[in-house]
């Protein structure tokens, strides 16, 4: 990780260096807002339990994308990255779907931060992308139970076994997970 003066740690510190330093005790204290893709990818690398690597260029090359951060007293506690579906060619009406690619939360974030973020992000996305009719996300079954999706009204729609992105025509990097996945959906209509 780059640790020079313009690094993600200096631009988005985890710990406050002045003015109190109180840690939020409720997700209602967090300000959830859009952020740039570089900040979101950097915070994801710090906090994501399973998929810390996501290159910003892999996000911005999509037709649609939007990134978020949850902050309190100018400190970041969570981040999320949304884009057009990665496997859109396998989904009906993929041009009306947005995929939650990453949701990464600091260990210092208050309980229920993820559910609160999902609620606020969906409201913001509905205004920014009125053509979106459905949200999807994939749960890694080896390390997560899908609790945040259940609590937020999402429905489990499919179970998929591991399938590498490497094909005979295109070699990809090392797989970050070989786990089975559950696809969760949240319909707006």
N, C-alpha and C. Protein backbone atom coordinates (compact mmCIF):
# COMPACT_ATOMS: atom_id res chain seq x y z
N UNK A 1 0.84 -1.19 0.00
CA UNK A 1 0.00 0.00 0.00
C UNK A 1 0.89 1.25 0.00
N UNK A 2 0.50 2.24 -0.74
CA UNK A 2 1.23 3.49 -0.85
C UNK A 2 1.08 4.27 0.46
N UNK A 3 2.19 4.65 1.07
CA UNK A 3 2.13 5.40 2.33
C UNK A 3 2.73 6.79 2.22
N UNK A 4 2.75 7.35 1.02
CA UNK A 4 3.28 8.69 0.85
C UNK A 4 2.27 9.73 1.33
N UNK A 5 2.62 10.99 1.26
CA UNK A 5 1.80 12.06 1.79
C UNK A 5 0.41 12.16 1.21
N UNK A 6 0.19 11.66 -0.01
CA UNK A 6 -1.15 11.75 -0.58
C UNK A 6 -1.85 10.39 -0.56
N UNK A 7 -1.45 9.53 0.37
CA UNK A 7 -2.04 8.20 0.44
C UNK A 7 -3.44 8.24 1.01
N UNK A 8 -4.14 7.13 0.88
CA UNK A 8 -5.51 7.01 1.37
C UNK A 8 -5.57 7.19 2.88
N UNK A 9 -4.54 6.75 3.60
CA UNK A 9 -4.54 6.87 5.05
C UNK A 9 -4.51 8.34 5.45
N UNK A 10 -3.72 9.15 4.78
CA UNK A 10 -3.65 10.57 5.11
C UNK A 10 -4.89 11.33 4.65
N UNK A 11 -5.47 10.94 3.52
CA UNK A 11 -6.66 11.61 3.01
C UNK A 11 -7.92 11.18 3.72
N UNK A 12 -7.95 9.97 4.28
CA UNK A 12 -9.14 9.44 4.94
C UNK A 12 -8.71 8.66 6.18
N UNK A 13 -8.23 9.35 7.20
CA UNK A 13 -7.69 8.65 8.36
C UNK A 13 -8.77 7.89 9.11
N UNK A 14 -8.38 6.77 9.69
CA UNK A 14 -9.30 5.99 10.50
C UNK A 14 -9.48 6.61 11.87
N UNK A 15 -8.42 7.20 12.42
CA UNK A 15 -8.48 7.79 13.75
C UNK A 15 -8.36 9.30 13.67
N UNK A 16 -9.17 9.98 14.44
CA UNK A 16 -9.18 11.43 14.44
C UNK A 16 -7.96 11.97 15.16
N UNK A 17 -7.39 13.04 14.65
CA UNK A 17 -6.19 13.60 15.25
C UNK A 17 -6.47 14.86 16.07
N UNK A 18 -7.71 15.20 16.26
CA UNK A 18 -8.05 16.37 17.05
C UNK A 18 -9.55 16.50 17.22
N UNK A 19 -10.01 17.52 17.94
CA UNK A 19 -11.43 17.79 18.13
C UNK A 19 -12.20 16.61 18.71
N UNK A 20 -11.77 16.09 19.83
CA UNK A 20 -12.57 15.09 20.53
C UNK A 20 -12.14 13.67 20.28
N UNK A 21 -12.60 13.09 19.21
CA UNK A 21 -12.25 11.71 18.90
C UNK A 21 -13.32 10.72 19.28
N UNK A 22 -14.54 11.18 19.53
CA UNK A 22 -15.63 10.28 19.91
C UNK A 22 -15.94 9.32 18.76
N UNK A 23 -16.20 8.08 19.11
CA UNK A 23 -16.60 7.07 18.15
C UNK A 23 -18.12 7.01 18.14
N UNK A 24 -18.75 6.94 16.97
CA UNK A 24 -20.21 6.91 16.94
C UNK A 24 -20.73 5.65 17.64
N UNK A 25 -21.86 5.80 18.33
CA UNK A 25 -22.47 4.66 19.02
C UNK A 25 -23.71 4.16 18.31
N UNK A 26 -24.18 4.90 17.32
CA UNK A 26 -25.36 4.52 16.55
C UNK A 26 -25.11 4.78 15.07
N UNK A 27 -25.63 3.92 14.19
CA UNK A 27 -25.48 4.19 12.76
C UNK A 27 -26.23 5.44 12.32
N UNK A 28 -27.17 5.91 13.13
CA UNK A 28 -27.89 7.14 12.81
C UNK A 28 -26.97 8.36 12.87
N UNK A 29 -25.84 8.24 13.53
CA UNK A 29 -24.88 9.34 13.62
C UNK A 29 -24.02 9.45 12.36
N UNK A 30 -23.99 8.42 11.56
CA UNK A 30 -23.14 8.41 10.37
C UNK A 30 -23.77 9.22 9.24
N UNK A 31 -22.94 9.98 8.56
CA UNK A 31 -23.37 10.69 7.36
C UNK A 31 -22.98 9.82 6.17
N UNK A 32 -23.96 9.37 5.43
CA UNK A 32 -23.72 8.48 4.28
C UNK A 32 -23.86 9.32 3.03
N UNK A 33 -22.78 9.35 2.24
CA UNK A 33 -22.75 10.23 1.07
C UNK A 33 -21.90 9.61 -0.03
N UNK A 34 -22.06 10.14 -1.23
CA UNK A 34 -21.26 9.68 -2.36
C UNK A 34 -19.80 10.06 -2.13
N UNK A 35 -18.91 9.25 -2.68
CA UNK A 35 -17.48 9.57 -2.63
C UNK A 35 -16.84 9.15 -3.95
N UNK A 36 -15.58 9.50 -4.14
CA UNK A 36 -14.92 9.13 -5.38
C UNK A 36 -14.45 7.67 -5.32
N UNK A 37 -14.25 7.10 -6.46
CA UNK A 37 -13.91 5.68 -6.58
C UNK A 37 -12.57 5.35 -5.93
N UNK A 38 -11.63 6.27 -5.95
CA UNK A 38 -10.31 6.01 -5.35
C UNK A 38 -10.41 5.86 -3.84
N UNK A 39 -11.19 6.73 -3.21
CA UNK A 39 -11.40 6.62 -1.77
C UNK A 39 -12.10 5.31 -1.43
N UNK A 40 -13.15 4.98 -2.15
CA UNK A 40 -13.91 3.76 -1.88
C UNK A 40 -13.03 2.52 -2.03
N UNK A 41 -12.24 2.46 -3.08
CA UNK A 41 -11.37 1.30 -3.30
C UNK A 41 -10.29 1.21 -2.22
N UNK A 42 -9.76 2.34 -1.81
CA UNK A 42 -8.74 2.35 -0.75
C UNK A 42 -9.28 1.89 0.59
N UNK A 43 -10.47 2.37 0.95
CA UNK A 43 -11.08 1.95 2.20
C UNK A 43 -11.49 0.48 2.14
N UNK A 44 -11.97 0.05 0.98
CA UNK A 44 -12.30 -1.36 0.81
C UNK A 44 -11.09 -2.25 1.07
N UNK A 45 -9.94 -1.82 0.59
CA UNK A 45 -8.71 -2.59 0.80
C UNK A 45 -8.36 -2.70 2.29
N UNK A 46 -8.66 -1.66 3.05
CA UNK A 46 -8.38 -1.68 4.49
C UNK A 46 -9.33 -2.60 5.27
N UNK A 47 -10.60 -2.64 4.87
CA UNK A 47 -11.61 -3.23 5.73
C UNK A 47 -12.30 -4.48 5.21
N UNK A 48 -12.30 -4.74 3.91
CA UNK A 48 -13.11 -5.85 3.41
C UNK A 48 -12.56 -7.19 3.89
N UNK A 49 -13.42 -8.02 4.44
CA UNK A 49 -13.00 -9.28 5.05
C UNK A 49 -12.57 -10.34 4.04
N UNK A 50 -13.06 -10.28 2.82
CA UNK A 50 -12.82 -11.36 1.87
C UNK A 50 -12.25 -10.88 0.54
N UNK A 51 -12.71 -9.74 0.08
CA UNK A 51 -12.31 -9.23 -1.24
C UNK A 51 -11.69 -7.83 -1.15
N UNK A 52 -10.50 -7.74 -0.58
CA UNK A 52 -9.91 -6.40 -0.41
C UNK A 52 -9.45 -5.76 -1.71
N UNK A 53 -9.15 -6.55 -2.71
CA UNK A 53 -8.62 -5.99 -3.96
C UNK A 53 -9.74 -5.72 -4.96
N UNK A 54 -9.84 -4.46 -5.36
CA UNK A 54 -10.70 -4.07 -6.47
C UNK A 54 -10.05 -2.82 -7.07
N UNK A 55 -9.66 -2.92 -8.30
CA UNK A 55 -9.00 -1.80 -8.95
C UNK A 55 -10.03 -0.78 -9.39
N UNK A 56 -9.74 0.48 -9.16
CA UNK A 56 -10.69 1.54 -9.51
C UNK A 56 -11.08 1.49 -10.99
N UNK A 57 -10.15 1.09 -11.86
CA UNK A 57 -10.47 1.03 -13.29
C UNK A 57 -11.48 -0.06 -13.60
N UNK A 58 -11.55 -1.07 -12.74
CA UNK A 58 -12.52 -2.14 -12.91
C UNK A 58 -13.93 -1.66 -12.53
N UNK A 59 -14.00 -0.56 -11.81
CA UNK A 59 -15.29 0.01 -11.42
C UNK A 59 -15.76 1.00 -12.49
N UNK A 60 -14.89 1.93 -12.88
CA UNK A 60 -15.31 3.03 -13.76
C UNK A 60 -15.55 2.61 -15.20
N UNK A 61 -15.11 1.44 -15.59
CA UNK A 61 -15.35 1.00 -16.97
C UNK A 61 -16.78 0.50 -17.18
N UNK A 62 -17.57 0.44 -16.13
CA UNK A 62 -18.96 0.01 -16.22
C UNK A 62 -19.83 1.15 -16.72
N UNK A 63 -20.99 0.80 -17.27
CA UNK A 63 -21.92 1.81 -17.76
C UNK A 63 -22.36 2.74 -16.63
N UNK A 64 -22.64 2.13 -15.46
CA UNK A 64 -23.04 2.92 -14.29
C UNK A 64 -22.19 2.49 -13.10
N UNK A 65 -21.87 3.45 -12.27
CA UNK A 65 -21.22 3.13 -10.99
C UNK A 65 -21.45 4.29 -10.03
N UNK A 66 -21.40 3.96 -8.76
CA UNK A 66 -21.54 4.97 -7.71
C UNK A 66 -20.88 4.40 -6.45
N UNK A 67 -20.18 5.26 -5.72
CA UNK A 67 -19.48 4.83 -4.51
C UNK A 67 -19.94 5.69 -3.33
N UNK A 68 -19.87 5.09 -2.15
CA UNK A 68 -20.34 5.75 -0.94
C UNK A 68 -19.34 5.60 0.20
N UNK A 69 -19.45 6.52 1.15
CA UNK A 69 -18.70 6.44 2.39
C UNK A 69 -19.64 6.84 3.53
N UNK A 70 -19.43 6.23 4.69
CA UNK A 70 -20.16 6.61 5.91
C UNK A 70 -19.14 7.27 6.83
N UNK A 71 -19.40 8.51 7.21
CA UNK A 71 -18.43 9.22 8.04
C UNK A 71 -19.10 9.81 9.27
N UNK A 72 -18.27 10.06 10.25
CA UNK A 72 -18.68 10.72 11.49
C UNK A 72 -17.49 11.54 11.97
N UNK A 73 -17.70 12.82 12.23
CA UNK A 73 -16.62 13.72 12.66
C UNK A 73 -15.42 13.64 11.72
N UNK A 74 -15.68 13.61 10.42
CA UNK A 74 -14.66 13.60 9.38
C UNK A 74 -13.82 12.33 9.35
N UNK A 75 -14.29 11.26 9.99
CA UNK A 75 -13.63 9.96 9.94
C UNK A 75 -14.53 8.99 9.20
N UNK A 76 -13.93 8.12 8.42
CA UNK A 76 -14.69 7.14 7.65
C UNK A 76 -14.83 5.83 8.42
N UNK A 77 -16.04 5.26 8.34
CA UNK A 77 -16.33 4.02 9.06
C UNK A 77 -16.83 2.91 8.15
N UNK A 78 -17.22 3.23 6.92
CA UNK A 78 -17.70 2.20 5.99
C UNK A 78 -17.65 2.76 4.57
N UNK A 79 -17.63 1.84 3.62
CA UNK A 79 -17.63 2.24 2.22
C UNK A 79 -18.40 1.20 1.41
N UNK A 80 -18.89 1.62 0.25
CA UNK A 80 -19.60 0.72 -0.65
C UNK A 80 -19.33 1.11 -2.09
N UNK A 81 -19.28 0.09 -2.94
CA UNK A 81 -19.03 0.28 -4.37
C UNK A 81 -20.13 -0.44 -5.13
N UNK A 82 -20.84 0.29 -5.98
CA UNK A 82 -21.92 -0.24 -6.82
C UNK A 82 -21.53 -0.06 -8.29
N UNK A 83 -21.97 -0.97 -9.14
CA UNK A 83 -21.76 -0.79 -10.58
C UNK A 83 -22.79 -1.62 -11.35
N UNK A 84 -22.75 -1.45 -12.66
CA UNK A 84 -23.53 -2.35 -13.52
C UNK A 84 -23.10 -3.77 -13.19
N UNK A 85 -23.98 -4.75 -13.35
CA UNK A 85 -23.63 -6.13 -12.98
C UNK A 85 -22.42 -6.65 -13.75
N UNK A 86 -21.52 -7.31 -13.01
CA UNK A 86 -20.33 -7.88 -13.63
C UNK A 86 -20.70 -8.98 -14.62
N UNK A 87 -21.65 -9.82 -14.24
CA UNK A 87 -22.09 -10.90 -15.12
C UNK A 87 -23.42 -10.53 -15.76
N UNK A 88 -23.53 -9.29 -16.22
CA UNK A 88 -24.77 -8.79 -16.80
C UNK A 88 -25.25 -9.59 -17.99
N UNK A 89 -24.32 -10.21 -18.72
CA UNK A 89 -24.70 -11.01 -19.87
C UNK A 89 -25.49 -12.26 -19.47
N UNK A 90 -25.47 -12.60 -18.18
CA UNK A 90 -26.20 -13.77 -17.68
C UNK A 90 -27.53 -13.39 -17.04
N UNK A 91 -27.83 -12.09 -16.99
CA UNK A 91 -29.03 -11.61 -16.30
C UNK A 91 -30.00 -10.95 -17.27
N UNK A 92 -31.27 -11.25 -17.09
CA UNK A 92 -32.31 -10.60 -17.88
C UNK A 92 -32.42 -9.14 -17.43
N UNK A 93 -32.57 -8.23 -18.37
CA UNK A 93 -32.74 -6.80 -18.08
C UNK A 93 -31.58 -6.24 -17.26
N UNK A 94 -30.36 -6.65 -17.56
CA UNK A 94 -29.20 -6.20 -16.77
C UNK A 94 -29.01 -4.69 -16.83
N UNK A 95 -29.55 -4.03 -17.86
CA UNK A 95 -29.42 -2.57 -17.95
C UNK A 95 -30.29 -1.85 -16.91
N UNK A 96 -31.15 -2.60 -16.19
CA UNK A 96 -31.99 -2.02 -15.15
C UNK A 96 -31.57 -2.51 -13.76
N UNK A 97 -30.37 -3.09 -13.67
CA UNK A 97 -29.87 -3.66 -12.42
C UNK A 97 -28.58 -2.96 -12.01
N UNK A 98 -28.41 -2.76 -10.72
CA UNK A 98 -27.15 -2.26 -10.17
C UNK A 98 -26.67 -3.28 -9.14
N UNK A 99 -25.38 -3.59 -9.18
CA UNK A 99 -24.80 -4.59 -8.29
C UNK A 99 -23.98 -3.94 -7.19
N UNK A 100 -24.24 -4.35 -5.95
CA UNK A 100 -23.40 -3.94 -4.83
C UNK A 100 -22.16 -4.83 -4.88
N UNK A 101 -21.05 -4.28 -5.34
CA UNK A 101 -19.83 -5.06 -5.54
C UNK A 101 -19.04 -5.23 -4.26
N UNK A 102 -19.01 -4.18 -3.43
CA UNK A 102 -18.27 -4.25 -2.17
C UNK A 102 -19.00 -3.43 -1.12
N UNK A 103 -19.02 -3.95 0.09
CA UNK A 103 -19.49 -3.23 1.26
C UNK A 103 -18.49 -3.58 2.35
N UNK A 104 -17.70 -2.60 2.77
CA UNK A 104 -16.63 -2.83 3.74
C UNK A 104 -16.84 -1.90 4.93
N UNK A 105 -16.76 -2.47 6.12
CA UNK A 105 -17.07 -1.73 7.33
C UNK A 105 -15.92 -1.84 8.32
N UNK A 106 -15.52 -0.72 8.88
CA UNK A 106 -14.48 -0.69 9.90
C UNK A 106 -14.95 -1.43 11.15
N UNK A 107 -14.01 -2.02 11.86
CA UNK A 107 -14.35 -2.71 13.12
C UNK A 107 -14.87 -1.72 14.16
N UNK A 108 -14.61 -0.42 13.98
CA UNK A 108 -15.06 0.61 14.92
C UNK A 108 -16.45 1.17 14.60
N UNK A 109 -17.04 0.71 13.51
CA UNK A 109 -18.36 1.20 13.13
C UNK A 109 -19.42 0.68 14.10
N UNK A 110 -20.47 1.46 14.33
CA UNK A 110 -21.53 0.98 15.22
C UNK A 110 -22.28 -0.21 14.63
N UNK A 111 -22.89 -0.98 15.49
CA UNK A 111 -23.72 -2.12 15.09
C UNK A 111 -24.82 -1.62 14.15
N UNK A 112 -25.17 -2.39 13.16
CA UNK A 112 -26.22 -2.10 12.18
C UNK A 112 -25.83 -1.04 11.15
N UNK A 113 -24.55 -0.71 11.06
CA UNK A 113 -24.09 0.24 10.05
C UNK A 113 -24.43 -0.24 8.65
N UNK A 114 -24.24 -1.52 8.37
CA UNK A 114 -24.49 -2.06 7.02
C UNK A 114 -25.96 -1.88 6.62
N UNK A 115 -26.88 -2.22 7.51
CA UNK A 115 -28.31 -2.09 7.19
C UNK A 115 -28.69 -0.64 6.96
N UNK A 116 -28.18 0.25 7.78
CA UNK A 116 -28.46 1.68 7.62
C UNK A 116 -27.90 2.19 6.29
N UNK A 117 -26.68 1.77 5.97
CA UNK A 117 -26.08 2.19 4.70
C UNK A 117 -26.91 1.72 3.51
N UNK A 118 -27.33 0.46 3.54
CA UNK A 118 -28.14 -0.06 2.43
C UNK A 118 -29.39 0.79 2.22
N UNK A 119 -30.06 1.12 3.29
CA UNK A 119 -31.28 1.91 3.20
C UNK A 119 -31.02 3.28 2.57
N UNK A 120 -30.02 3.98 3.06
CA UNK A 120 -29.71 5.33 2.55
C UNK A 120 -29.19 5.26 1.11
N UNK A 121 -28.30 4.31 0.83
CA UNK A 121 -27.74 4.21 -0.53
C UNK A 121 -28.84 3.95 -1.55
N UNK A 122 -29.78 3.07 -1.22
CA UNK A 122 -30.87 2.78 -2.16
C UNK A 122 -31.68 4.04 -2.45
N UNK A 123 -31.94 4.85 -1.44
CA UNK A 123 -32.68 6.10 -1.66
C UNK A 123 -31.91 7.05 -2.58
N UNK A 124 -30.61 7.16 -2.38
CA UNK A 124 -29.78 8.04 -3.22
C UNK A 124 -29.71 7.51 -4.65
N UNK A 125 -29.51 6.20 -4.79
CA UNK A 125 -29.39 5.59 -6.12
C UNK A 125 -30.69 5.75 -6.90
N UNK A 126 -31.82 5.60 -6.24
CA UNK A 126 -33.11 5.75 -6.93
C UNK A 126 -33.23 7.13 -7.57
N UNK A 127 -32.68 8.15 -6.92
CA UNK A 127 -32.72 9.50 -7.48
C UNK A 127 -31.68 9.67 -8.60
N UNK A 128 -30.50 9.09 -8.41
CA UNK A 128 -29.42 9.24 -9.39
C UNK A 128 -29.64 8.40 -10.64
N UNK A 129 -30.24 7.23 -10.48
CA UNK A 129 -30.45 6.30 -11.59
C UNK A 129 -31.91 5.81 -11.57
N UNK A 130 -32.86 6.66 -12.00
CA UNK A 130 -34.27 6.27 -11.93
C UNK A 130 -34.62 5.06 -12.80
N UNK A 131 -33.76 4.71 -13.74
CA UNK A 131 -34.02 3.55 -14.61
C UNK A 131 -33.73 2.21 -13.92
N UNK A 132 -33.07 2.24 -12.78
CA UNK A 132 -32.74 1.01 -12.04
C UNK A 132 -34.01 0.47 -11.38
N UNK A 133 -34.26 -0.82 -11.60
CA UNK A 133 -35.44 -1.49 -11.05
C UNK A 133 -35.10 -2.57 -10.03
N UNK A 134 -33.80 -2.95 -9.98
CA UNK A 134 -33.42 -4.04 -9.08
C UNK A 134 -31.97 -3.88 -8.66
N UNK A 135 -31.68 -4.31 -7.44
CA UNK A 135 -30.31 -4.37 -6.93
C UNK A 135 -29.95 -5.82 -6.68
N UNK A 136 -28.68 -6.15 -6.91
CA UNK A 136 -28.20 -7.49 -6.59
C UNK A 136 -26.89 -7.38 -5.82
N UNK A 137 -26.59 -8.44 -5.09
CA UNK A 137 -25.31 -8.55 -4.40
C UNK A 137 -25.04 -10.03 -4.15
N UNK A 138 -23.77 -10.36 -4.01
CA UNK A 138 -23.38 -11.76 -3.81
C UNK A 138 -22.74 -11.93 -2.44
N UNK A 139 -23.22 -12.92 -1.71
CA UNK A 139 -22.72 -13.25 -0.38
C UNK A 139 -21.77 -14.44 -0.48
N UNK A 140 -20.59 -14.30 0.07
CA UNK A 140 -19.61 -15.38 0.15
C UNK A 140 -20.02 -16.30 1.30
N UNK A 141 -20.42 -17.52 0.99
CA UNK A 141 -20.99 -18.42 1.99
C UNK A 141 -19.98 -18.94 3.02
N UNK A 142 -18.69 -18.85 2.72
CA UNK A 142 -17.69 -19.33 3.68
C UNK A 142 -17.53 -18.41 4.89
N UNK A 143 -17.86 -17.14 4.73
CA UNK A 143 -17.60 -16.19 5.81
C UNK A 143 -18.80 -15.32 6.21
N UNK A 144 -19.89 -15.34 5.46
CA UNK A 144 -21.04 -14.50 5.78
C UNK A 144 -22.33 -15.30 5.77
N UNK A 145 -23.31 -14.82 6.51
CA UNK A 145 -24.59 -15.52 6.64
C UNK A 145 -25.73 -14.83 5.87
N UNK A 146 -25.49 -13.64 5.35
CA UNK A 146 -26.53 -12.92 4.64
C UNK A 146 -27.44 -12.11 5.56
N UNK A 147 -27.02 -11.94 6.79
CA UNK A 147 -27.84 -11.26 7.79
C UNK A 147 -28.20 -9.83 7.40
N UNK A 148 -27.26 -9.08 6.84
CA UNK A 148 -27.57 -7.69 6.49
C UNK A 148 -28.62 -7.62 5.39
N UNK A 149 -28.58 -8.56 4.46
CA UNK A 149 -29.58 -8.56 3.39
C UNK A 149 -30.95 -8.93 3.93
N UNK A 150 -31.00 -9.97 4.75
CA UNK A 150 -32.28 -10.38 5.36
C UNK A 150 -32.88 -9.22 6.16
N UNK A 151 -32.06 -8.57 6.97
CA UNK A 151 -32.53 -7.47 7.81
C UNK A 151 -33.00 -6.27 7.00
N UNK A 152 -32.51 -6.16 5.76
CA UNK A 152 -32.84 -5.00 4.92
C UNK A 152 -33.90 -5.30 3.87
N UNK A 153 -34.51 -6.48 3.95
CA UNK A 153 -35.61 -6.81 3.05
C UNK A 153 -35.21 -7.39 1.70
N UNK A 154 -33.95 -7.79 1.53
CA UNK A 154 -33.50 -8.42 0.30
C UNK A 154 -33.95 -9.88 0.31
N UNK A 155 -34.04 -10.50 -0.86
CA UNK A 155 -34.45 -11.90 -1.00
C UNK A 155 -33.33 -12.70 -1.66
N UNK A 156 -33.05 -13.88 -1.09
CA UNK A 156 -32.08 -14.78 -1.72
C UNK A 156 -32.72 -15.33 -2.99
N UNK A 157 -32.01 -15.24 -4.12
CA UNK A 157 -32.62 -15.62 -5.40
C UNK A 157 -31.89 -16.75 -6.11
N UNK A 158 -30.63 -16.98 -5.78
CA UNK A 158 -29.88 -18.03 -6.48
C UNK A 158 -28.69 -18.45 -5.65
N UNK A 159 -28.30 -19.69 -5.83
CA UNK A 159 -27.09 -20.23 -5.21
C UNK A 159 -26.17 -20.67 -6.34
N UNK A 160 -24.93 -20.22 -6.27
CA UNK A 160 -23.99 -20.57 -7.33
C UNK A 160 -22.71 -21.15 -6.77
N UNK A 161 -22.23 -22.18 -7.38
CA UNK A 161 -20.94 -22.75 -7.00
C UNK A 161 -19.83 -21.93 -7.63
N UNK A 162 -18.63 -22.04 -7.07
CA UNK A 162 -17.49 -21.29 -7.58
C UNK A 162 -17.28 -21.56 -9.07
N UNK A 163 -17.04 -20.47 -9.78
CA UNK A 163 -16.71 -20.55 -11.21
C UNK A 163 -15.64 -19.50 -11.47
N UNK A 164 -14.48 -19.92 -11.90
CA UNK A 164 -13.37 -19.01 -12.13
C UNK A 164 -13.67 -18.05 -13.28
N UNK A 165 -13.13 -16.84 -13.17
CA UNK A 165 -13.26 -15.86 -14.24
C UNK A 165 -12.25 -16.14 -15.36
N UNK A 166 -11.27 -17.00 -15.10
CA UNK A 166 -10.31 -17.37 -16.14
C UNK A 166 -10.97 -18.33 -17.11
N UNK A 167 -10.80 -18.06 -18.39
CA UNK A 167 -11.33 -18.94 -19.44
C UNK A 167 -10.19 -19.33 -20.37
N UNK A 168 -10.49 -20.19 -21.32
CA UNK A 168 -9.45 -20.61 -22.28
C UNK A 168 -8.98 -19.43 -23.12
N UNK A 169 -9.81 -18.42 -23.29
CA UNK A 169 -9.45 -17.25 -24.08
C UNK A 169 -8.93 -16.07 -23.30
N UNK A 170 -9.05 -16.13 -21.96
CA UNK A 170 -8.62 -14.97 -21.17
C UNK A 170 -8.18 -15.41 -19.78
N UNK A 171 -6.92 -15.18 -19.48
CA UNK A 171 -6.38 -15.54 -18.18
C UNK A 171 -6.57 -14.36 -17.22
N UNK A 172 -7.12 -14.64 -16.03
CA UNK A 172 -7.35 -13.61 -15.03
C UNK A 172 -6.38 -13.82 -13.87
N UNK A 173 -6.38 -12.91 -12.91
CA UNK A 173 -5.55 -13.02 -11.73
C UNK A 173 -6.02 -14.14 -10.82
N UNK A 174 -5.35 -14.27 -9.70
CA UNK A 174 -5.69 -15.30 -8.73
C UNK A 174 -7.07 -15.01 -8.15
N UNK A 175 -7.90 -16.04 -8.02
CA UNK A 175 -9.23 -15.88 -7.44
C UNK A 175 -9.11 -15.51 -5.97
N UNK A 176 -9.85 -14.48 -5.54
CA UNK A 176 -9.81 -14.05 -4.14
C UNK A 176 -10.61 -15.00 -3.25
N UNK A 177 -11.56 -15.73 -3.83
CA UNK A 177 -12.36 -16.68 -3.07
C UNK A 177 -12.81 -17.79 -4.01
N UNK A 178 -12.87 -18.99 -3.47
CA UNK A 178 -13.38 -20.13 -4.24
C UNK A 178 -14.69 -20.63 -3.62
N UNK A 179 -15.31 -19.81 -2.84
CA UNK A 179 -16.53 -20.14 -2.12
C UNK A 179 -17.76 -20.13 -3.03
N UNK A 180 -18.77 -20.87 -2.61
CA UNK A 180 -20.08 -20.76 -3.23
C UNK A 180 -20.66 -19.40 -2.84
N UNK A 181 -21.58 -18.90 -3.66
CA UNK A 181 -22.16 -17.58 -3.43
C UNK A 181 -23.69 -17.67 -3.45
N UNK A 182 -24.33 -16.80 -2.68
CA UNK A 182 -25.76 -16.60 -2.75
C UNK A 182 -25.99 -15.25 -3.41
N UNK A 183 -26.84 -15.22 -4.42
CA UNK A 183 -27.21 -13.93 -5.01
C UNK A 183 -28.45 -13.43 -4.29
N UNK A 184 -28.35 -12.19 -3.79
CA UNK A 184 -29.46 -11.52 -3.12
C UNK A 184 -30.01 -10.45 -4.06
N UNK A 185 -31.33 -10.24 -4.00
CA UNK A 185 -31.97 -9.24 -4.85
C UNK A 185 -32.90 -8.36 -4.03
N UNK A 186 -32.97 -7.11 -4.45
CA UNK A 186 -33.90 -6.15 -3.86
C UNK A 186 -34.61 -5.48 -5.03
N UNK A 187 -35.90 -5.76 -5.18
CA UNK A 187 -36.67 -5.21 -6.29
C UNK A 187 -37.34 -3.89 -5.89
N UNK A 188 -37.29 -2.94 -6.80
CA UNK A 188 -37.89 -1.63 -6.57
C UNK A 188 -39.32 -1.56 -7.11
N UNK A 189 -39.70 -2.52 -7.93
CA UNK A 189 -41.07 -2.50 -8.48
C UNK A 189 -41.84 -3.71 -8.06
